[in-house]
Amino acid sequence: MVYNARMDEKRQHLRTEVDEPAYISAGGSSTSCRVLNISAEGAAIEVPSASYVPDRFQLMIKRDRVIRNCRIVWISANSIGVAFE
């Protein structure tokens, strides 16, 4: 049997794999991170420590400098998945 990764996919938009430096900011402080993949509706982000990232924050990718309001939807070790608001 061939496994089809799309079978379990719940996202409406396909994510593009990237490796972009970015910044998370909330409450007057910021920390660096890396965006691992991104779509129109969200992203996966690698962070130094997920326990220090608030439920809602702003994300700015260094390359495009667009500020996106984010909400955490999942956490796994040092990676978080966010939905753009």
PDB file of N, CA and C in Angstrom:
ATOM      1  N   MET A   1       0.833  -1.182   0.000  1.00  0.00           N
ATOM      2  CA  MET A   1       0.000   0.000   0.000  1.00  0.00           C
ATOM      3  C   MET A   1       0.877   1.245   0.000  1.00  0.00           C
ATOM      4  N   VAL A   2       0.545   2.197  -0.836  1.00  0.00           N
ATOM      5  CA  VAL A   2       1.296   3.447  -0.926  1.00  0.00           C
ATOM      6  C   VAL A   2       0.636   4.465  -0.021  1.00  0.00           C
ATOM      7  N   TYR A   3       1.434   5.112   0.833  1.00  0.00           N
ATOM      8  CA  TYR A   3       0.907   6.118   1.744  1.00  0.00           C
ATOM      9  C   TYR A   3       0.772   7.436   0.998  1.00  0.00           C
ATOM     10  N   ASN A   4      -0.367   8.046   1.095  1.00  0.00           N
ATOM     11  CA  ASN A   4      -0.612   9.337   0.470  1.00  0.00           C
ATOM     12  C   ASN A   4      -0.658  10.396   1.567  1.00  0.00           C
ATOM     13  N   ALA A   5       0.366  11.235   1.642  1.00  0.00           N
ATOM     14  CA  ALA A   5       0.446  12.247   2.689  1.00  0.00           C
ATOM     15  C   ALA A   5      -0.726  13.219   2.602  1.00  0.00           C
ATOM     16  N   ARG A   6      -1.270  13.436   1.433  1.00  0.00           N
ATOM     17  CA  ARG A   6      -2.390  14.354   1.270  1.00  0.00           C
ATOM     18  C   ARG A   6      -3.666  13.816   1.925  1.00  0.00           C
ATOM     19  N   MET A   7      -3.754  12.490   2.141  1.00  0.00           N
ATOM     20  CA  MET A   7      -4.945  11.912   2.751  1.00  0.00           C
ATOM     21  C   MET A   7      -5.204  12.487   4.144  1.00  0.00           C
ATOM     22  N   ASP A   8      -4.147  12.729   4.905  1.00  0.00           N
ATOM     23  CA  ASP A   8      -4.284  13.231   6.264  1.00  0.00           C
ATOM     24  C   ASP A   8      -4.185  14.753   6.338  1.00  0.00           C
ATOM     25  N   GLU A   9      -3.953  15.388   5.229  1.00  0.00           N
ATOM     26  CA  GLU A   9      -3.784  16.835   5.196  1.00  0.00           C
ATOM     27  C   GLU A   9      -5.110  17.546   5.460  1.00  0.00           C
ATOM     28  N   LYS A  10      -5.115  18.440   6.454  1.00  0.00           N
ATOM     29  CA  LYS A  10      -6.329  19.166   6.799  1.00  0.00           C
ATOM     30  C   LYS A  10      -6.264  20.630   6.390  1.00  0.00           C
ATOM     31  N   ARG A  11      -5.128  21.074   5.940  1.00  0.00           N
ATOM     32  CA  ARG A  11      -4.973  22.475   5.555  1.00  0.00           C
ATOM     33  C   ARG A  11      -5.695  22.757   4.244  1.00  0.00           C
ATOM     34  N   GLN A  12      -6.222  23.965   4.139  1.00  0.00           N
ATOM     35  CA  GLN A  12      -6.876  24.372   2.905  1.00  0.00           C
ATOM     36  C   GLN A  12      -5.858  24.829   1.866  1.00  0.00           C
ATOM     37  N   HIS A  13      -4.723  25.343   2.322  1.00  0.00           N
ATOM     38  CA  HIS A  13      -3.687  25.832   1.419  1.00  0.00           C
ATOM     39  C   HIS A  13      -2.412  25.015   1.625  1.00  0.00           C
ATOM     40  N   LEU A  14      -1.786  24.629   0.542  1.00  0.00           N
ATOM     41  CA  LEU A  14      -0.519  23.900   0.642  1.00  0.00           C
ATOM     42  C   LEU A  14       0.555  24.815   1.200  1.00  0.00           C
ATOM     43  N   ARG A  15       1.416  24.263   2.002  1.00  0.00           N
ATOM     44  CA  ARG A  15       2.519  25.043   2.552  1.00  0.00           C
ATOM     45  C   ARG A  15       3.758  24.901   1.679  1.00  0.00           C
ATOM     46  N   THR A  16       4.515  25.974   1.590  1.00  0.00           N
ATOM     47  CA  THR A  16       5.769  26.008   0.855  1.00  0.00           C
ATOM     48  C   THR A  16       6.908  25.838   1.849  1.00  0.00           C
ATOM     49  N   GLU A  17       7.785  24.861   1.589  1.00  0.00           N
ATOM     50  CA  GLU A  17       8.944  24.653   2.455  1.00  0.00           C
ATOM     51  C   GLU A  17       9.917  25.821   2.266  1.00  0.00           C
ATOM     52  N   VAL A  18      10.333  26.408   3.373  1.00  0.00           N
ATOM     53  CA  VAL A  18      11.294  27.518   3.356  1.00  0.00           C
ATOM     54  C   VAL A  18      12.251  27.319   4.528  1.00  0.00           C
ATOM     55  N   ASP A  19      13.259  28.130   4.591  1.00  0.00           N
ATOM     56  CA  ASP A  19      14.165  28.169   5.737  1.00  0.00           C
ATOM     57  C   ASP A  19      14.568  29.629   5.892  1.00  0.00           C
ATOM     58  N   GLU A  20      13.672  30.402   6.517  1.00  0.00           N
ATOM     59  CA  GLU A  20      13.832  31.854   6.585  1.00  0.00           C
ATOM     60  C   GLU A  20      14.017  32.327   8.016  1.00  0.00           C
ATOM     61  N   PRO A  21      15.023  33.170   8.267  1.00  0.00           N
ATOM     62  CA  PRO A  21      15.137  33.773   9.589  1.00  0.00           C
ATOM     63  C   PRO A  21      13.971  34.730   9.811  1.00  0.00           C
ATOM     64  N   ALA A  22      13.489  34.791  11.051  1.00  0.00           N
ATOM     65  CA  ALA A  22      12.350  35.646  11.383  1.00  0.00           C
ATOM     66  C   ALA A  22      12.444  36.056  12.842  1.00  0.00           C
ATOM     67  N   TYR A  23      11.483  36.885  13.260  1.00  0.00           N
ATOM     68  CA  TYR A  23      11.423  37.360  14.635  1.00  0.00           C
ATOM     69  C   TYR A  23      10.015  37.234  15.165  1.00  0.00           C
ATOM     70  N   ILE A  24       9.902  36.795  16.408  1.00  0.00           N
ATOM     71  CA  ILE A  24       8.635  36.753  17.131  1.00  0.00           C
ATOM     72  C   ILE A  24       8.658  37.916  18.110  1.00  0.00           C
ATOM     73  N   SER A  25       7.581  38.703  18.138  1.00  0.00           N
ATOM     74  CA  SER A  25       7.516  39.789  19.116  1.00  0.00           C
ATOM     75  C   SER A  25       6.173  39.782  19.825  1.00  0.00           C
ATOM     76  N   ALA A  26       6.230  40.076  21.112  1.00  0.00           N
ATOM     77  CA  ALA A  26       5.029  40.157  21.955  1.00  0.00           C
ATOM     78  C   ALA A  26       5.405  40.843  23.253  1.00  0.00           C
ATOM     79  N   GLY A  27       4.537  41.678  23.733  1.00  0.00           N
ATOM     80  CA  GLY A  27       4.747  42.302  25.039  1.00  0.00           C
ATOM     81  C   GLY A  27       6.017  43.110  25.148  1.00  0.00           C
ATOM     82  N   GLY A  28       6.478  43.705  24.052  1.00  0.00           N
ATOM     83  CA  GLY A  28       7.661  44.552  24.094  1.00  0.00           C
ATOM     84  C   GLY A  28       8.986  43.819  23.953  1.00  0.00           C
ATOM     85  N   SER A  29       8.967  42.493  23.838  1.00  0.00           N
ATOM     86  CA  SER A  29      10.224  41.762  23.649  1.00  0.00           C
ATOM     87  C   SER A  29      10.163  40.970  22.345  1.00  0.00           C
ATOM     88  N   SER A  30      11.325  40.585  21.865  1.00  0.00           N
ATOM     89  CA  SER A  30      11.366  39.791  20.636  1.00  0.00           C
ATOM     90  C   SER A  30      12.437  38.721  20.742  1.00  0.00           C
ATOM     91  N   THR A  31      12.280  37.693  19.924  1.00  0.00           N
ATOM     92  CA  THR A  31      13.251  36.602  19.866  1.00  0.00           C
ATOM     93  C   THR A  31      13.371  36.140  18.429  1.00  0.00           C
ATOM     94  N   SER A  32      14.539  35.654  18.071  1.00  0.00           N
ATOM     95  CA  SER A  32      14.728  35.161  16.709  1.00  0.00           C
ATOM     96  C   SER A  32      14.183  33.737  16.581  1.00  0.00           C
ATOM     97  N   CYS A  33      13.821  33.382  15.364  1.00  0.00           N
ATOM     98  CA  CYS A  33      13.289  32.057  15.073  1.00  0.00           C
ATOM     99  C   CYS A  33      13.537  31.754  13.601  1.00  0.00           C
ATOM    100  N   ARG A  34      13.062  30.594  13.137  1.00  0.00           N
ATOM    101  CA  ARG A  34      13.177  30.225  11.728  1.00  0.00           C
ATOM    102  C   ARG A  34      11.824  29.736  11.250  1.00  0.00           C
ATOM    103  N   VAL A  35      11.375  30.249  10.110  1.00  0.00           N
ATOM    104  CA  VAL A  35      10.146  29.771   9.500  1.00  0.00           C
ATOM    105  C   VAL A  35      10.517  28.573   8.639  1.00  0.00           C
ATOM    106  N   LEU A  36       9.893  27.430   8.904  1.00  0.00           N
ATOM    107  CA  LEU A  36      10.202  26.185   8.195  1.00  0.00           C
ATOM    108  C   LEU A  36       9.306  25.970   6.981  1.00  0.00           C
ATOM    109  N   ASN A  37       8.033  26.341   7.114  1.00  0.00           N
ATOM    110  CA  ASN A  37       7.121  26.303   5.974  1.00  0.00           C
ATOM    111  C   ASN A  37       6.037  27.337   6.200  1.00  0.00           C
ATOM    112  N   ILE A  38       5.386  27.752   5.086  1.00  0.00           N
ATOM    113  CA  ILE A  38       4.425  28.845   5.178  1.00  0.00           C
ATOM    114  C   ILE A  38       3.360  28.703   4.102  1.00  0.00           C
ATOM    115  N   SER A  39       2.157  29.166   4.414  1.00  0.00           N
ATOM    116  CA  SER A  39       1.067  29.250   3.440  1.00  0.00           C
ATOM    117  C   SER A  39       0.333  30.557   3.704  1.00  0.00           C
ATOM    118  N   ALA A  40      -0.744  30.780   2.985  1.00  0.00           N
ATOM    119  CA  ALA A  40      -1.535  31.990   3.187  1.00  0.00           C
ATOM    120  C   ALA A  40      -2.210  31.999   4.554  1.00  0.00           C
ATOM    121  N   GLU A  41      -2.397  30.816   5.145  1.00  0.00           N
ATOM    122  CA  GLU A  41      -3.133  30.754   6.408  1.00  0.00           C
ATOM    123  C   GLU A  41      -2.298  30.458   7.642  1.00  0.00           C
ATOM    124  N   GLY A  42      -1.015  30.051   7.484  1.00  0.00           N
ATOM    125  CA  GLY A  42      -0.210  29.747   8.657  1.00  0.00           C
ATOM    126  C   GLY A  42       1.201  29.326   8.322  1.00  0.00           C
ATOM    127  N   ALA A  43       1.917  28.873   9.367  1.00  0.00           N
ATOM    128  CA  ALA A  43       3.320  28.503   9.195  1.00  0.00           C
ATOM    129  C   ALA A  43       3.759  27.549  10.297  1.00  0.00           C
ATOM    130  N   ALA A  44       4.878  26.887  10.053  1.00  0.00           N
ATOM    131  CA  ALA A  44       5.578  26.118  11.075  1.00  0.00           C
ATOM    132  C   ALA A  44       6.864  26.871  11.375  1.00  0.00           C
ATOM    133  N   ILE A  45       7.155  27.030  12.662  1.00  0.00           N
ATOM    134  CA  ILE A  45       8.274  27.855  13.091  1.00  0.00           C
ATOM    135  C   ILE A  45       9.127  27.089  14.086  1.00  0.00           C
ATOM    136  N   GLU A  46      10.432  27.190  13.925  1.00  0.00           N
ATOM    137  CA  GLU A  46      11.377  26.605  14.878  1.00  0.00           C
ATOM    138  C   GLU A  46      11.807  27.713  15.833  1.00  0.00           C
ATOM    139  N   VAL A  47      11.682  27.451  17.135  1.00  0.00           N
ATOM    140  CA  VAL A  47      11.990  28.448  18.157  1.00  0.00           C
ATOM    141  C   VAL A  47      13.011  27.888  19.143  1.00  0.00           C
ATOM    142  N   PRO A  48      13.760  28.768  19.833  1.00  0.00           N
ATOM    143  CA  PRO A  48      14.719  28.273  20.826  1.00  0.00           C
ATOM    144  C   PRO A  48      14.032  27.489  21.949  1.00  0.00           C
ATOM    145  N   SER A  49      12.877  27.989  22.410  1.00  0.00           N
ATOM    146  CA  SER A  49      12.128  27.304  23.465  1.00  0.00           C
ATOM    147  C   SER A  49      10.648  27.654  23.315  1.00  0.00           C
ATOM    148  N   ALA A  50       9.841  26.662  22.975  1.00  0.00           N
ATOM    149  CA  ALA A  50       8.410  26.894  22.759  1.00  0.00           C
ATOM    150  C   ALA A  50       7.704  27.347  24.028  1.00  0.00           C
ATOM    151  N   SER A  51       8.244  27.016  25.185  1.00  0.00           N
ATOM    152  CA  SER A  51       7.574  27.376  26.442  1.00  0.00           C
ATOM    153  C   SER A  51       7.558  28.887  26.691  1.00  0.00           C
ATOM    154  N   TYR A  52       8.424  29.637  26.006  1.00  0.00           N
ATOM    155  CA  TYR A  52       8.474  31.084  26.191  1.00  0.00           C
ATOM    156  C   TYR A  52       7.696  31.857  25.142  1.00  0.00           C
ATOM    157  N   VAL A  53       7.029  31.174  24.231  1.00  0.00           N
ATOM    158  CA  VAL A  53       6.263  31.841  23.179  1.00  0.00           C
ATOM    159  C   VAL A  53       4.807  31.953  23.642  1.00  0.00           C
ATOM    160  N   PRO A  54       4.255  33.185  23.666  1.00  0.00           N
ATOM    161  CA  PRO A  54       2.861  33.336  24.099  1.00  0.00           C
ATOM    162  C   PRO A  54       1.882  32.776  23.059  1.00  0.00           C
ATOM    163  N   ASP A  55       0.639  32.573  23.480  1.00  0.00           N
ATOM    164  CA  ASP A  55      -0.380  32.022  22.583  1.00  0.00           C
ATOM    165  C   ASP A  55      -0.600  32.870  21.339  1.00  0.00           C
ATOM    166  N   ARG A  56      -0.471  34.188  21.477  1.00  0.00           N
ATOM    167  CA  ARG A  56      -0.623  35.113  20.349  1.00  0.00           C
ATOM    168  C   ARG A  56       0.593  36.026  20.302  1.00  0.00           C
ATOM    169  N   PHE A  57       1.086  36.289  19.100  1.00  0.00           N
ATOM    170  CA  PHE A  57       2.265  37.130  18.921  1.00  0.00           C
ATOM    171  C   PHE A  57       2.317  37.638  17.490  1.00  0.00           C
ATOM    172  N   GLN A  58       3.304  38.464  17.208  1.00  0.00           N
ATOM    173  CA  GLN A  58       3.535  38.937  15.851  1.00  0.00           C
ATOM    174  C   GLN A  58       4.792  38.275  15.303  1.00  0.00           C
ATOM    175  N   LEU A  59       4.728  37.912  14.035  1.00  0.00           N
ATOM    176  CA  LEU A  59       5.854  37.268  13.352  1.00  0.00           C
ATOM    177  C   LEU A  59       6.286  38.163  12.203  1.00  0.00           C
ATOM    178  N   MET A  60       7.596  38.413  12.106  1.00  0.00           N
ATOM    179  CA  MET A  60       8.133  39.154  10.971  1.00  0.00           C
ATOM    180  C   MET A  60       9.253  38.341  10.340  1.00  0.00           C
ATOM    181  N   ILE A  61       9.059  37.950   9.091  1.00  0.00           N
ATOM    182  CA  ILE A  61      10.106  37.263   8.339  1.00  0.00           C
ATOM    183  C   ILE A  61      11.102  38.313   7.876  1.00  0.00           C
ATOM    184  N   LYS A  62      12.365  38.060   8.108  1.00  0.00           N
ATOM    185  CA  LYS A  62      13.414  39.034   7.824  1.00  0.00           C
ATOM    186  C   LYS A  62      13.416  39.482   6.354  1.00  0.00           C
ATOM    187  N   ARG A  63      13.175  38.550   5.448  1.00  0.00           N
ATOM    188  CA  ARG A  63      13.263  38.851   4.017  1.00  0.00           C
ATOM    189  C   ARG A  63      12.193  39.834   3.548  1.00  0.00           C
ATOM    190  N   ASP A  64      10.928  39.607   3.916  1.00  0.00           N
ATOM    191  CA  ASP A  64       9.858  40.452   3.384  1.00  0.00           C
ATOM    192  C   ASP A  64       9.388  41.537   4.364  1.00  0.00           C
ATOM    193  N   ARG A  65       9.773  41.424   5.625  1.00  0.00           N
ATOM    194  CA  ARG A  65       9.450  42.402   6.668  1.00  0.00           C
ATOM    195  C   ARG A  65       7.947  42.642   6.849  1.00  0.00           C
ATOM    196  N   VAL A  66       7.129  41.687   6.424  1.00  0.00           N
ATOM    197  CA  VAL A  66       5.682  41.764   6.648  1.00  0.00           C
ATOM    198  C   VAL A  66       5.408  41.268   8.066  1.00  0.00           C
ATOM    199  N   ILE A  67       4.613  42.016   8.802  1.00  0.00           N
ATOM    200  CA  ILE A  67       4.250  41.623  10.167  1.00  0.00           C
ATOM    201  C   ILE A  67       2.925  40.871  10.114  1.00  0.00           C
ATOM    202  N   ARG A  68       2.938  39.652  10.649  1.00  0.00           N
ATOM    203  CA  ARG A  68       1.749  38.805  10.661  1.00  0.00           C
ATOM    204  C   ARG A  68       1.331  38.528  12.104  1.00  0.00           C
ATOM    205  N   ASN A  69       0.061  38.715  12.399  1.00  0.00           N
ATOM    206  CA  ASN A  69      -0.476  38.359  13.715  1.00  0.00           C
ATOM    207  C   ASN A  69      -0.707  36.860  13.724  1.00  0.00           C
ATOM    208  N   CYS A  70      -0.224  36.185  14.754  1.00  0.00           N
ATOM    209  CA  CYS A  70      -0.259  34.724  14.815  1.00  0.00           C
ATOM    210  C   CYS A  70      -0.920  34.218  16.089  1.00  0.00           C
ATOM    211  N   ARG A  71      -1.452  33.015  15.975  1.00  0.00           N
ATOM    212  CA  ARG A  71      -2.027  32.277  17.104  1.00  0.00           C
ATOM    213  C   ARG A  71      -1.477  30.861  17.037  1.00  0.00           C
ATOM    214  N   ILE A  72      -0.963  30.341  18.141  1.00  0.00           N
ATOM    215  CA  ILE A  72      -0.404  28.985  18.165  1.00  0.00           C
ATOM    216  C   ILE A  72      -1.530  27.964  18.041  1.00  0.00           C
ATOM    217  N   VAL A  73      -1.328  26.979  17.153  1.00  0.00           N
ATOM    218  CA  VAL A  73      -2.312  25.894  17.016  1.00  0.00           C
ATOM    219  C   VAL A  73      -1.728  24.548  17.434  1.00  0.00           C
ATOM    220  N   TRP A  74      -0.408  24.401  17.434  1.00  0.00           N
ATOM    221  CA  TRP A  74       0.220  23.189  17.948  1.00  0.00           C
ATOM    222  C   TRP A  74       1.655  23.485  18.373  1.00  0.00           C
ATOM    223  N   ILE A  75       2.160  22.650  19.284  1.00  0.00           N
ATOM    224  CA  ILE A  75       3.545  22.740  19.762  1.00  0.00           C
ATOM    225  C   ILE A  75       4.132  21.339  19.768  1.00  0.00           C
ATOM    226  N   SER A  76       5.352  21.190  19.276  1.00  0.00           N
ATOM    227  CA  SER A  76       6.066  19.921  19.301  1.00  0.00           C
ATOM    228  C   SER A  76       7.540  20.211  19.521  1.00  0.00           C
ATOM    229  N   ALA A  77       8.025  19.949  20.716  1.00  0.00           N
ATOM    230  CA  ALA A  77       9.419  20.223  21.100  1.00  0.00           C
ATOM    231  C   ALA A  77       9.716  21.702  20.844  1.00  0.00           C
ATOM    232  N   ASN A  78      10.665  22.008  19.942  1.00  0.00           N
ATOM    233  CA  ASN A  78      11.023  23.394  19.643  1.00  0.00           C
ATOM    234  C   ASN A  78      10.387  23.904  18.355  1.00  0.00           C
ATOM    235  N   SER A  79       9.320  23.294  17.942  1.00  0.00           N
ATOM    236  CA  SER A  79       8.585  23.747  16.758  1.00  0.00           C
ATOM    237  C   SER A  79       7.162  24.104  17.159  1.00  0.00           C
ATOM    238  N   ILE A  80       6.634  25.135  16.514  1.00  0.00           N
ATOM    239  CA  ILE A  80       5.243  25.519  16.739  1.00  0.00           C
ATOM    240  C   ILE A  80       4.554  25.716  15.400  1.00  0.00           C
ATOM    241  N   GLY A  81       3.293  25.436  15.366  1.00  0.00           N
ATOM    242  CA  GLY A  81       2.464  25.700  14.196  1.00  0.00           C
ATOM    243  C   GLY A  81       1.559  26.860  14.531  1.00  0.00           C
ATOM    244  N   VAL A  82       1.456  27.807  13.611  1.00  0.00           N
ATOM    245  CA  VAL A  82       0.629  28.992  13.866  1.00  0.00           C
ATOM    246  C   VAL A  82      -0.377  29.196  12.741  1.00  0.00           C
ATOM    247  N   ALA A  83      -1.476  29.826  13.110  1.00  0.00           N
ATOM    248  CA  ALA A  83      -2.459  30.292  12.139  1.00  0.00           C
ATOM    249  C   ALA A  83      -2.334  31.810  12.094  1.00  0.00           C
ATOM    250  N   PHE A  84      -2.393  32.365  10.895  1.00  0.00           N
ATOM    251  CA  PHE A  84      -2.365  33.826  10.769  1.00  0.00           C
ATOM    252  C   PHE A  84      -3.763  34.371  11.037  1.00  0.00           C
ATOM    253  N   GLU A  85      -3.824  35.462  11.768  1.00  0.00           N
ATOM    254  CA  GLU A  85      -5.126  36.072  12.101  1.00  0.00           C
ATOM    255  C   GLU A  85      -5.310  37.368  11.347  1.00  0.00           C
TER     256      GLU A  85
END
